[in-house]
PDB file of N, CA and C in Angstrom:
ATOM      1  N   MET A   1     -94.945-134.300 -83.879  1.00  0.00           N
ATOM      2  CA  MET A   1     -95.488-134.922 -82.697  1.00  0.00           C
ATOM      3  C   MET A   1     -96.497-133.964 -82.052  1.00  0.00           C
ATOM      4  N   THR A   2     -97.512-134.526 -81.485  1.00  0.00           N
ATOM      5  CA  THR A   2     -98.512-133.706 -80.811  1.00  0.00           C
ATOM      6  C   THR A   2     -98.041-133.363 -79.398  1.00  0.00           C
ATOM      7  N   PHE A   3     -98.705-132.396 -78.796  1.00  0.00           N
ATOM      8  CA  PHE A   3     -98.396-132.063 -77.407  1.00  0.00           C
ATOM      9  C   PHE A   3     -98.502-133.313 -76.547  1.00  0.00           C
ATOM     10  N   TRP A   4     -99.601-134.032 -76.691  1.00  0.00           N
ATOM     11  CA  TRP A   4     -99.822-135.208 -75.850  1.00  0.00           C
ATOM     12  C   TRP A   4     -98.728-136.255 -76.024  1.00  0.00           C
ATOM     13  N   GLU A   5     -98.343-136.535 -77.252  1.00  0.00           N
ATOM     14  CA  GLU A   5     -97.288-137.524 -77.499  1.00  0.00           C
ATOM     15  C   GLU A   5     -95.989-137.116 -76.822  1.00  0.00           C
ATOM     16  N   ASN A   6     -95.631-135.852 -76.971  1.00  0.00           N
ATOM     17  CA  ASN A   6     -94.393-135.370 -76.349  1.00  0.00           C
ATOM     18  C   ASN A   6     -94.497-135.373 -74.829  1.00  0.00           C
ATOM     19  N   PHE A   7     -95.605-134.875 -74.316  1.00  0.00           N
ATOM     20  CA  PHE A   7     -95.793-134.823 -72.870  1.00  0.00           C
ATOM     21  C   PHE A   7     -95.713-136.217 -72.262  1.00  0.00           C
ATOM     22  N   SER A   8     -96.422-137.175 -72.823  1.00  0.00           N
ATOM     23  CA  SER A   8     -96.415-138.518 -72.247  1.00  0.00           C
ATOM     24  C   SER A   8     -95.038-139.181 -72.400  1.00  0.00           C
ATOM     25  N   HIS A   9     -94.332-138.901 -73.497  1.00  0.00           N
ATOM     26  CA  HIS A   9     -92.991-139.457 -73.675  1.00  0.00           C
ATOM     27  C   HIS A   9     -92.013-138.855 -72.662  1.00  0.00           C
ATOM     28  N   ILE A  10     -92.099-137.570 -72.433  1.00  0.00           N
ATOM     29  CA  ILE A  10     -91.221-136.934 -71.439  1.00  0.00           C
ATOM     30  C   ILE A  10     -91.520-137.500 -70.055  1.00  0.00           C
ATOM     31  N   CYS A  11     -92.797-137.718 -69.762  1.00  0.00           N
ATOM     32  CA  CYS A  11     -93.145-138.358 -68.488  1.00  0.00           C
ATOM     33  C   CYS A  11     -92.465-139.721 -68.381  1.00  0.00           C
ATOM     34  N   ASP A  12     -92.522-140.516 -69.446  1.00  0.00           N
ATOM     35  CA  ASP A  12     -91.867-141.832 -69.443  1.00  0.00           C
ATOM     36  C   ASP A  12     -90.374-141.706 -69.173  1.00  0.00           C
ATOM     37  N   ILE A  13     -89.744-140.762 -69.846  1.00  0.00           N
ATOM     38  CA  ILE A  13     -88.306-140.552 -69.662  1.00  0.00           C
ATOM     39  C   ILE A  13     -87.997-140.200 -68.212  1.00  0.00           C
ATOM     40  N   ARG A  14     -88.873-139.443 -67.611  1.00  0.00           N
ATOM     41  CA  ARG A  14     -88.670-139.009 -66.224  1.00  0.00           C
ATOM     42  C   ARG A  14     -89.141-140.047 -65.204  1.00  0.00           C
ATOM     43  N   GLY A  15     -89.644-141.181 -65.695  1.00  0.00           N
ATOM     44  CA  GLY A  15     -90.051-142.251 -64.788  1.00  0.00           C
ATOM     45  C   GLY A  15     -91.372-142.005 -64.094  1.00  0.00           C
ATOM     46  N   THR A  16     -92.268-141.272 -64.730  1.00  0.00           N
ATOM     47  CA  THR A  16     -93.577-141.009 -64.148  1.00  0.00           C
ATOM     48  C   THR A  16     -94.650-141.208 -65.208  1.00  0.00           C
ATOM     49  N   LYS A  17     -95.873-141.063 -64.803  1.00  0.00           N
ATOM     50  CA  LYS A  17     -97.021-141.139 -65.698  1.00  0.00           C
ATOM     51  C   LYS A  17     -97.776-139.818 -65.601  1.00  0.00           C
ATOM     52  N   PRO A  18     -98.507-139.435 -66.657  1.00  0.00           N
ATOM     53  CA  PRO A  18     -99.201-138.141 -66.655  1.00  0.00           C
ATOM     54  C   PRO A  18    -100.162-137.932 -65.482  1.00  0.00           C
ATOM     55  N   THR A  19    -101.024-138.903 -65.185  1.00  0.00           N
ATOM     56  CA  THR A  19    -102.019-138.692 -64.127  1.00  0.00           C
ATOM     57  C   THR A  19    -101.387-138.477 -62.754  1.00  0.00           C
ATOM     58  N   PRO A  20    -100.442-139.330 -62.322  1.00  0.00           N
ATOM     59  CA  PRO A  20     -99.801-139.069 -61.026  1.00  0.00           C
ATOM     60  C   PRO A  20     -99.037-137.742 -60.998  1.00  0.00           C
ATOM     61  N   LEU A  21     -98.442-137.357 -62.132  1.00  0.00           N
ATOM     62  CA  LEU A  21     -97.740-136.077 -62.183  1.00  0.00           C
ATOM     63  C   LEU A  21     -98.713-134.929 -61.945  1.00  0.00           C
ATOM     64  N   LEU A  22     -99.848-134.971 -62.627  1.00  0.00           N
ATOM     65  CA  LEU A  22    -100.830-133.910 -62.456  1.00  0.00           C
ATOM     66  C   LEU A  22    -101.322-133.845 -61.018  1.00  0.00           C
ATOM     67  N   LYS A  23    -101.603-134.993 -60.433  1.00  0.00           N
ATOM     68  CA  LYS A  23    -102.035-135.015 -59.030  1.00  0.00           C
ATOM     69  C   LYS A  23    -100.972-134.407 -58.123  1.00  0.00           C
ATOM     70  N   ALA A  24     -99.710-134.715 -58.400  1.00  0.00           N
ATOM     71  CA  ALA A  24     -98.609-134.221 -57.569  1.00  0.00           C
ATOM     72  C   ALA A  24     -98.476-132.704 -57.619  1.00  0.00           C
ATOM     73  N   ILE A  25     -98.841-132.105 -58.748  1.00  0.00           N
ATOM     74  CA  ILE A  25     -98.725-130.644 -58.845  1.00  0.00           C
ATOM     75  C   ILE A  25    -100.074-129.957 -58.637  1.00  0.00           C
ATOM     76  N   GLY A  26    -101.073-130.719 -58.176  1.00  0.00           N
ATOM     77  CA  GLY A  26    -102.357-130.140 -57.808  1.00  0.00           C
ATOM     78  C   GLY A  26    -103.272-129.808 -58.973  1.00  0.00           C
ATOM     79  N   VAL A  27    -103.193-130.592 -60.038  1.00  0.00           N
ATOM     80  CA  VAL A  27    -104.023-130.363 -61.223  1.00  0.00           C
ATOM     81  C   VAL A  27    -104.996-131.530 -61.362  1.00  0.00           C
ATOM     82  N   ALA A  28    -106.226-131.228 -61.728  1.00  0.00           N
ATOM     83  CA  ALA A  28    -107.231-132.274 -61.904  1.00  0.00           C
ATOM     84  C   ALA A  28    -106.796-133.251 -62.995  1.00  0.00           C
ATOM     85  N   PRO A  29    -106.827-134.546 -62.698  1.00  0.00           N
ATOM     86  CA  PRO A  29    -106.381-135.543 -63.666  1.00  0.00           C
ATOM     87  C   PRO A  29    -107.239-135.619 -64.931  1.00  0.00           C
ATOM     88  N   ASN A  30    -108.434-135.003 -64.938  1.00  0.00           N
ATOM     89  CA  ASN A  30    -109.253-135.036 -66.148  1.00  0.00           C
ATOM     90  C   ASN A  30    -108.623-134.265 -67.303  1.00  0.00           C
ATOM     91  N   LYS A  31    -107.583-133.508 -67.024  1.00  0.00           N
ATOM     92  CA  LYS A  31    -106.850-132.796 -68.075  1.00  0.00           C
ATOM     93  C   LYS A  31    -106.213-133.788 -69.046  1.00  0.00           C
ATOM     94  N   VAL A  32    -105.840-134.966 -68.525  1.00  0.00           N
ATOM     95  CA  VAL A  32    -105.207-135.985 -69.363  1.00  0.00           C
ATOM     96  C   VAL A  32    -106.104-136.320 -70.552  1.00  0.00           C
ATOM     97  N   THR A  33    -107.380-136.550 -70.292  1.00  0.00           N
ATOM     98  CA  THR A  33    -108.316-136.884 -71.367  1.00  0.00           C
ATOM     99  C   THR A  33    -108.424-135.755 -72.374  1.00  0.00           C
ATOM    100  N   ALA A  34    -108.519-134.532 -71.880  1.00  0.00           N
ATOM    101  CA  ALA A  34    -108.620-133.373 -72.781  1.00  0.00           C
ATOM    102  C   ALA A  34    -107.384-133.263 -73.661  1.00  0.00           C
ATOM    103  N   TRP A  35    -106.216-133.465 -73.076  1.00  0.00           N
ATOM    104  CA  TRP A  35    -104.973-133.364 -73.848  1.00  0.00           C
ATOM    105  C   TRP A  35    -104.837-134.502 -74.844  1.00  0.00           C
ATOM    106  N   LYS A  36    -105.264-135.697 -74.451  1.00  0.00           N
ATOM    107  CA  LYS A  36    -105.249-136.827 -75.387  1.00  0.00           C
ATOM    108  C   LYS A  36    -106.130-136.535 -76.598  1.00  0.00           C
ATOM    109  N   ASN A  37    -107.212-135.773 -76.365  1.00  0.00           N
ATOM    110  CA  ASN A  37    -108.159-135.443 -77.434  1.00  0.00           C
ATOM    111  C   ASN A  37    -107.765-134.196 -78.217  1.00  0.00           C
ATOM    112  N   GLY A  38    -106.572-133.664 -77.977  1.00  0.00           N
ATOM    113  CA  GLY A  38    -106.065-132.559 -78.784  1.00  0.00           C
ATOM    114  C   GLY A  38    -106.108-131.188 -78.151  1.00  0.00           C
ATOM    115  N   SER A  39    -106.676-131.068 -76.969  1.00  0.00           N
ATOM    116  CA  SER A  39    -106.685-129.789 -76.265  1.00  0.00           C
ATOM    117  C   SER A  39    -105.263-129.438 -75.825  1.00  0.00           C
ATOM    118  N   LEU A  40    -104.977-128.155 -75.764  1.00  0.00           N
ATOM    119  CA  LEU A  40    -103.656-127.706 -75.320  1.00  0.00           C
ATOM    120  C   LEU A  40    -103.764-126.972 -73.989  1.00  0.00           C
ATOM    121  N   PRO A  41    -102.793-127.178 -73.112  1.00  0.00           N
ATOM    122  CA  PRO A  41    -102.787-126.448 -71.843  1.00  0.00           C
ATOM    123  C   PRO A  41    -102.507-124.967 -72.073  1.00  0.00           C
ATOM    124  N   LYS A  42    -102.962-124.160 -71.132  1.00  0.00           N
ATOM    125  CA  LYS A  42    -102.661-122.732 -71.179  1.00  0.00           C
ATOM    126  C   LYS A  42    -101.194-122.517 -70.813  1.00  0.00           C
ATOM    127  N   GLU A  43    -100.705-121.329 -71.120  1.00  0.00           N
ATOM    128  CA  GLU A  43     -99.281-121.023 -70.932  1.00  0.00           C
ATOM    129  C   GLU A  43     -98.808-121.299 -69.513  1.00  0.00           C
ATOM    130  N   GLU A  44     -99.570-120.874 -68.519  1.00  0.00           N
ATOM    131  CA  GLU A  44     -99.159-121.068 -67.133  1.00  0.00           C
ATOM    132  C   GLU A  44     -99.053-122.568 -66.793  1.00  0.00           C
ATOM    133  N   MET A  45     -99.972-123.355 -67.328  1.00  0.00           N
ATOM    134  CA  MET A  45     -99.932-124.800 -67.098  1.00  0.00           C
ATOM    135  C   MET A  45     -98.708-125.410 -67.774  1.00  0.00           C
ATOM    136  N   LEU A  46     -98.398-124.965 -68.982  1.00  0.00           N
ATOM    137  CA  LEU A  46     -97.205-125.469 -69.672  1.00  0.00           C
ATOM    138  C   LEU A  46     -95.953-125.207 -68.846  1.00  0.00           C
ATOM    139  N   LYS A  47     -95.883-124.039 -68.252  1.00  0.00           N
ATOM    140  CA  LYS A  47     -94.728-123.697 -67.419  1.00  0.00           C
ATOM    141  C   LYS A  47     -94.648-124.608 -66.196  1.00  0.00           C
ATOM    142  N   ARG A  48     -95.784-124.874 -65.573  1.00  0.00           N
ATOM    143  CA  ARG A  48     -95.812-125.757 -64.400  1.00  0.00           C
ATOM    144  C   ARG A  48     -95.390-127.174 -64.769  1.00  0.00           C
ATOM    145  N   LEU A  49     -95.889-127.650 -65.904  1.00  0.00           N
ATOM    146  CA  LEU A  49     -95.522-128.995 -66.354  1.00  0.00           C
ATOM    147  C   LEU A  49     -94.030-129.088 -66.664  1.00  0.00           C
ATOM    148  N   ALA A  50     -93.511-128.073 -67.354  1.00  0.00           N
ATOM    149  CA  ALA A  50     -92.087-128.062 -67.689  1.00  0.00           C
ATOM    150  C   ALA A  50     -91.234-128.045 -66.429  1.00  0.00           C
ATOM    151  N   GLU A  51     -91.637-127.270 -65.452  1.00  0.00           N
ATOM    152  CA  GLU A  51     -90.887-127.216 -64.198  1.00  0.00           C
ATOM    153  C   GLU A  51     -90.931-128.573 -63.488  1.00  0.00           C
ATOM    154  N   ALA A  52     -92.102-129.180 -63.456  1.00  0.00           N
ATOM    155  CA  ALA A  52     -92.246-130.475 -62.786  1.00  0.00           C
ATOM    156  C   ALA A  52     -91.436-131.566 -63.480  1.00  0.00           C
ATOM    157  N   LEU A  53     -91.288-131.456 -64.802  1.00  0.00           N
ATOM    158  CA  LEU A  53     -90.569-132.475 -65.570  1.00  0.00           C
ATOM    159  C   LEU A  53     -89.125-132.084 -65.871  1.00  0.00           C
ATOM    160  N   ASP A  54     -88.703-130.928 -65.355  1.00  0.00           N
ATOM    161  CA  ASP A  54     -87.344-130.444 -65.569  1.00  0.00           C
ATOM    162  C   ASP A  54     -86.998-130.415 -67.058  1.00  0.00           C
ATOM    163  N   CYS A  55     -87.863-129.768 -67.820  1.00  0.00           N
ATOM    164  CA  CYS A  55     -87.628-129.623 -69.250  1.00  0.00           C
ATOM    165  C   CYS A  55     -88.060-128.215 -69.659  1.00  0.00           C
ATOM    166  N   SER A  56     -88.005-127.935 -70.921  1.00  0.00           N
ATOM    167  CA  SER A  56     -88.420-126.648 -71.454  1.00  0.00           C
ATOM    168  C   SER A  56     -89.823-126.781 -72.045  1.00  0.00           C
ATOM    169  N   VAL A  57     -90.581-125.703 -72.025  1.00  0.00           N
ATOM    170  CA  VAL A  57     -91.913-125.709 -72.637  1.00  0.00           C
ATOM    171  C   VAL A  57     -91.813-126.121 -74.101  1.00  0.00           C
ATOM    172  N   ILE A  58     -90.781-125.702 -74.775  1.00  0.00           N
ATOM    173  CA  ILE A  58     -90.622-126.034 -76.202  1.00  0.00           C
ATOM    174  C   ILE A  58     -90.530-127.544 -76.414  1.00  0.00           C
ATOM    175  N   ASP A  59     -90.071-128.284 -75.405  1.00  0.00           N
ATOM    176  CA  ASP A  59     -89.964-129.735 -75.529  1.00  0.00           C
ATOM    177  C   ASP A  59     -91.320-130.400 -75.766  1.00  0.00           C
ATOM    178  N   PHE A  60     -92.388-129.762 -75.328  1.00  0.00           N
ATOM    179  CA  PHE A  60     -93.727-130.320 -75.531  1.00  0.00           C
ATOM    180  C   PHE A  60     -94.193-130.205 -76.985  1.00  0.00           C
ATOM    181  N   PHE A  61     -93.458-129.442 -77.792  1.00  0.00           N
ATOM    182  CA  PHE A  61     -93.880-129.190 -79.171  1.00  0.00           C
ATOM    183  C   PHE A  61     -92.809-129.568 -80.195  1.00  0.00           C
ATOM    184  N   MET A  62     -91.827-130.350 -79.780  1.00  0.00           N
ATOM    185  CA  MET A  62     -90.736-130.762 -80.672  1.00  0.00           C
ATOM    186  C   MET A  62     -91.174-131.921 -81.553  1.00  0.00           C
ATOM    187  N   ASP A  63     -90.534-132.041 -82.697  1.00  0.00           N
ATOM    188  CA  ASP A  63     -90.750-133.183 -83.578  1.00  0.00           C
ATOM    189  C   ASP A  63     -89.667-134.220 -83.325  1.00  0.00           C
ATOM    190  N   ASP A  64     -90.020-135.454 -83.504  1.00  0.00           N
ATOM    191  CA  ASP A  64     -89.071-136.571 -83.436  1.00  0.00           C
ATOM    192  C   ASP A  64     -88.310-136.653 -82.119  1.00  0.00           C
ATOM    193  N   TYR A  65     -88.934-136.284 -81.029  1.00  0.00           N
ATOM    194  CA  TYR A  65     -88.320-136.401 -79.702  1.00  0.00           C
ATOM    195  C   TYR A  65     -86.944-135.753 -79.630  1.00  0.00           C
ATOM    196  N   ASP A  66     -86.774-134.629 -80.284  1.00  0.00           N
ATOM    197  CA  ASP A  66     -85.498-133.903 -80.254  1.00  0.00           C
ATOM    198  C   ASP A  66     -85.549-132.872 -79.131  1.00  0.00           C
ATOM    199  N   TYR A  67     -85.636-133.339 -77.891  1.00  0.00           N
ATOM    200  CA  TYR A  67     -85.829-132.456 -76.753  1.00  0.00           C
ATOM    201  C   TYR A  67     -84.566-131.683 -76.420  1.00  0.00           C
ATOM    202  N   THR A  68     -84.763-130.511 -75.837  1.00  0.00           N
ATOM    203  CA  THR A  68     -83.622-129.681 -75.482  1.00  0.00           C
ATOM    204  C   THR A  68     -82.827-130.280 -74.335  1.00  0.00           C
ATOM    205  N   PHE A  69     -83.440-131.109 -73.506  1.00  0.00           N
ATOM    206  CA  PHE A  69     -82.702-131.643 -72.369  1.00  0.00           C
ATOM    207  C   PHE A  69     -81.876-132.864 -72.734  1.00  0.00           C
ATOM    208  N   LYS A  70     -82.053-133.431 -73.917  1.00  0.00           N
ATOM    209  CA  LYS A  70     -81.179-134.453 -74.497  1.00  0.00           C
ATOM    210  C   LYS A  70     -80.835-135.608 -73.549  1.00  0.00           C
ATOM    211  N   ILE A  71     -81.834-136.228 -72.999  1.00  0.00           N
ATOM    212  CA  ILE A  71     -81.580-137.405 -72.179  1.00  0.00           C
ATOM    213  C   ILE A  71     -81.760-138.630 -73.056  1.00  0.00           C
ATOM    214  N   ASP A  72     -80.748-139.470 -73.116  1.00  0.00           N
ATOM    215  CA  ASP A  72     -80.883-140.668 -73.937  1.00  0.00           C
ATOM    216  C   ASP A  72     -81.293-141.857 -73.067  1.00  0.00           C
ATOM    217  N   ASP A  73     -81.591-142.945 -73.714  1.00  0.00           N
ATOM    218  CA  ASP A  73     -82.091-144.123 -73.019  1.00  0.00           C
ATOM    219  C   ASP A  73     -81.097-144.676 -72.007  1.00  0.00           C
ATOM    220  N   ASN A  74     -79.796-144.546 -72.265  1.00  0.00           N
ATOM    221  CA  ASN A  74     -78.793-145.042 -71.318  1.00  0.00           C
ATOM    222  C   ASN A  74     -78.852-144.282 -70.007  1.00  0.00           C
ATOM    223  N   ILE A  75     -79.039-142.984 -70.088  1.00  0.00           N
ATOM    224  CA  ILE A  75     -79.118-142.181 -68.866  1.00  0.00           C
ATOM    225  C   ILE A  75     -80.369-142.546 -68.079  1.00  0.00           C
ATOM    226  N   VAL A  76     -81.472-142.737 -68.784  1.00  0.00           N
ATOM    227  CA  VAL A  76     -82.714-143.131 -68.126  1.00  0.00           C
ATOM    228  C   VAL A  76     -82.516-144.474 -67.421  1.00  0.00           C
ATOM    229  N   MET A  77     -81.892-145.433 -68.111  1.00  0.00           N
ATOM    230  CA  MET A  77     -81.649-146.746 -67.537  1.00  0.00           C
ATOM    231  C   MET A  77     -80.758-146.633 -66.292  1.00  0.00           C
ATOM    232  N   LEU A  78     -79.706-145.837 -66.376  1.00  0.00           N
ATOM    233  CA  LEU A  78     -78.807-145.667 -65.244  1.00  0.00           C
ATOM    234  C   LEU A  78     -79.515-145.026 -64.053  1.00  0.00           C
ATOM    235  N   GLU A  79     -80.327-144.020 -64.332  1.00  0.00           N
ATOM    236  CA  GLU A  79     -81.050-143.346 -63.250  1.00  0.00           C
ATOM    237  C   GLU A  79     -82.011-144.300 -62.555  1.00  0.00           C
ATOM    238  N   ARG A  80     -82.761-145.052 -63.333  1.00  0.00           N
ATOM    239  CA  ARG A  80     -83.712-145.997 -62.734  1.00  0.00           C
ATOM    240  C   ARG A  80     -82.979-147.074 -61.947  1.00  0.00           C
ATOM    241  N   GLY A  81     -81.876-147.562 -62.491  1.00  0.00           N
ATOM    242  CA  GLY A  81     -81.105-148.570 -61.788  1.00  0.00           C
ATOM    243  C   GLY A  81     -80.529-148.036 -60.481  1.00  0.00           C
ATOM    244  N   TYR A  82     -80.008-146.825 -60.521  1.00  0.00           N
ATOM    245  CA  TYR A  82     -79.423-146.210 -59.328  1.00  0.00           C
ATOM    246  C   TYR A  82     -80.465-146.056 -58.225  1.00  0.00           C
ATOM    247  N   LYS A  83     -81.665-145.616 -58.609  1.00  0.00           N
ATOM    248  CA  LYS A  83     -82.717-145.415 -57.608  1.00  0.00           C
ATOM    249  C   LYS A  83     -83.093-146.705 -56.904  1.00  0.00           C
ATOM    250  N   GLY A  84     -82.891-147.851 -57.566  1.00  0.00           N
ATOM    251  CA  GLY A  84     -83.250-149.133 -56.978  1.00  0.00           C
ATOM    252  C   GLY A  84     -82.173-149.742 -56.095  1.00  0.00           C
ATOM    253  N   LEU A  85     -81.034-149.096 -55.988  1.00  0.00           N
ATOM    254  CA  LEU A  85     -79.931-149.635 -55.191  1.00  0.00           C
ATOM    255  C   LEU A  85     -80.084-149.288 -53.716  1.00  0.00           C
ATOM    256  N   SER A  86     -79.496-150.128 -52.880  1.00  0.00           N
ATOM    257  CA  SER A  86     -79.422-149.802 -51.450  1.00  0.00           C
ATOM    258  C   SER A  86     -78.383-148.696 -51.272  1.00  0.00           C
ATOM    259  N   GLU A  87     -78.338-148.118 -50.101  1.00  0.00           N
ATOM    260  CA  GLU A  87     -77.366-147.046 -49.844  1.00  0.00           C
ATOM    261  C   GLU A  87     -75.934-147.549 -49.987  1.00  0.00           C
ATOM    262  N   SER A  88     -75.652-148.737 -49.496  1.00  0.00           N
ATOM    263  CA  SER A  88     -74.281-149.256 -49.613  1.00  0.00           C
ATOM    264  C   SER A  88     -73.925-149.537 -51.069  1.00  0.00           C
ATOM    265  N   GLN A  89     -74.872-150.018 -51.859  1.00  0.00           N
ATOM    266  CA  GLN A  89     -74.621-150.241 -53.280  1.00  0.00           C
ATOM    267  C   GLN A  89     -74.372-148.916 -54.003  1.00  0.00           C
ATOM    268  N   LYS A  90     -75.110-147.895 -53.631  1.00  0.00           N
ATOM    269  CA  LYS A  90     -74.911-146.571 -54.240  1.00  0.00           C
ATOM    270  C   LYS A  90     -73.505-146.058 -53.943  1.00  0.00           C
ATOM    271  N   HIS A  91     -73.056-146.236 -52.714  1.00  0.00           N
ATOM    272  CA  HIS A  91     -71.703-145.790 -52.344  1.00  0.00           C
ATOM    273  C   HIS A  91     -70.636-146.531 -53.129  1.00  0.00           C
ATOM    274  N   ARG A  92     -70.807-147.853 -53.272  1.00  0.00           N
ATOM    275  CA  ARG A  92     -69.839-148.630 -54.048  1.00  0.00           C
ATOM    276  C   ARG A  92     -69.839-148.216 -55.516  1.00  0.00           C
ATOM    277  N   LEU A  93     -71.023-147.992 -56.058  1.00  0.00           N
ATOM    278  CA  LEU A  93     -71.124-147.575 -57.457  1.00  0.00           C
ATOM    279  C   LEU A  93     -70.464-146.214 -57.667  1.00  0.00           C
ATOM    280  N   LEU A  94     -70.713-145.286 -56.768  1.00  0.00           N
ATOM    281  CA  LEU A  94     -70.102-143.961 -56.899  1.00  0.00           C
ATOM    282  C   LEU A  94     -68.589-144.023 -56.741  1.00  0.00           C
ATOM    283  N   ALA A  95     -68.107-144.863 -55.840  1.00  0.00           N
ATOM    284  CA  ALA A  95     -66.658-145.024 -55.686  1.00  0.00           C
ATOM    285  C   ALA A  95     -66.047-145.553 -56.977  1.00  0.00           C
ATOM    286  N   TYR A  96     -66.709-146.535 -57.583  1.00  0.00           N
ATOM    287  CA  TYR A  96     -66.233-147.076 -58.858  1.00  0.00           C
ATOM    288  C   TYR A  96     -66.277-146.006 -59.943  1.00  0.00           C
ATOM    289  N   TYR A  97     -67.353-145.252 -59.992  1.00  0.00           N
ATOM    290  CA  TYR A  97     -67.495-144.174 -60.981  1.00  0.00           C
ATOM    291  C   TYR A  97     -66.343-143.172 -60.853  1.00  0.00           C
ATOM    292  N   TYR A  98     -66.057-142.746 -59.635  1.00  0.00           N
ATOM    293  CA  TYR A  98     -64.979-141.770 -59.442  1.00  0.00           C
ATOM    294  C   TYR A  98     -63.619-142.352 -59.822  1.00  0.00           C
ATOM    295  N   SER A  99     -63.427-143.631 -59.560  1.00  0.00           N
ATOM    296  CA  SER A  99     -62.158-144.246 -59.975  1.00  0.00           C
ATOM    297  C   SER A  99     -62.052-144.284 -61.495  1.00  0.00           C
ATOM    298  N   LEU A 100     -63.158-144.480 -62.180  1.00  0.00           N
ATOM    299  CA  LEU A 100     -63.148-144.469 -63.659  1.00  0.00           C
ATOM    300  C   LEU A 100     -62.803-143.097 -64.208  1.00  0.00           C
ATOM    301  N   ILE A 101     -63.432-142.054 -63.675  1.00  0.00           N
ATOM    302  CA  ILE A 101     -63.180-140.718 -64.246  1.00  0.00           C
ATOM    303  C   ILE A 101     -61.820-140.174 -63.847  1.00  0.00           C
ATOM    304  N   GLU A 102     -61.253-140.702 -62.768  1.00  0.00           N
ATOM    305  CA  GLU A 102     -59.907-140.281 -62.379  1.00  0.00           C
ATOM    306  C   GLU A 102     -58.835-141.118 -63.059  1.00  0.00           C
ATOM    307  N   GLY A 103     -59.253-142.090 -63.869  1.00  0.00           N
ATOM    308  CA  GLY A 103     -58.314-142.911 -64.607  1.00  0.00           C
ATOM    309  C   GLY A 103     -57.623-143.985 -63.808  1.00  0.00           C
ATOM    310  N   LYS A 104     -58.173-144.352 -62.658  1.00  0.00           N
ATOM    311  CA  LYS A 104     -57.549-145.358 -61.813  1.00  0.00           C
ATOM    312  C   LYS A 104     -58.045-146.762 -62.124  1.00  0.00           C
ATOM    313  N   GLU A 105     -58.998-146.882 -62.988  1.00  0.00           N
ATOM    314  CA  GLU A 105     -59.579-148.205 -63.282  1.00  0.00           C
ATOM    315  C   GLU A 105     -59.220-148.605 -64.692  1.00  0.00           C
TER     316      GLU A 105
END
């Protein structure tokens, strides 16, 4: 996998897109085009991107999406679903979750 393929896939997993991520960390969005065309970020930029995406720099260069942070599609789905809940729904869901792990359900 190329840097760009991995970077954009990790962004998807994290629920963001490359351009808004770059804007959020104060980087010119024109970097997206350069990276799509095969350019690689410098070491300091790789570190900033990894920090922003809560992953390791090595994850940008892995083959077959074998990332070190090992987030699967179910976790991504759960995270996105949780973020869309109201506060009362979140409380009910967490109460149910705790009852499951304590063996009460």
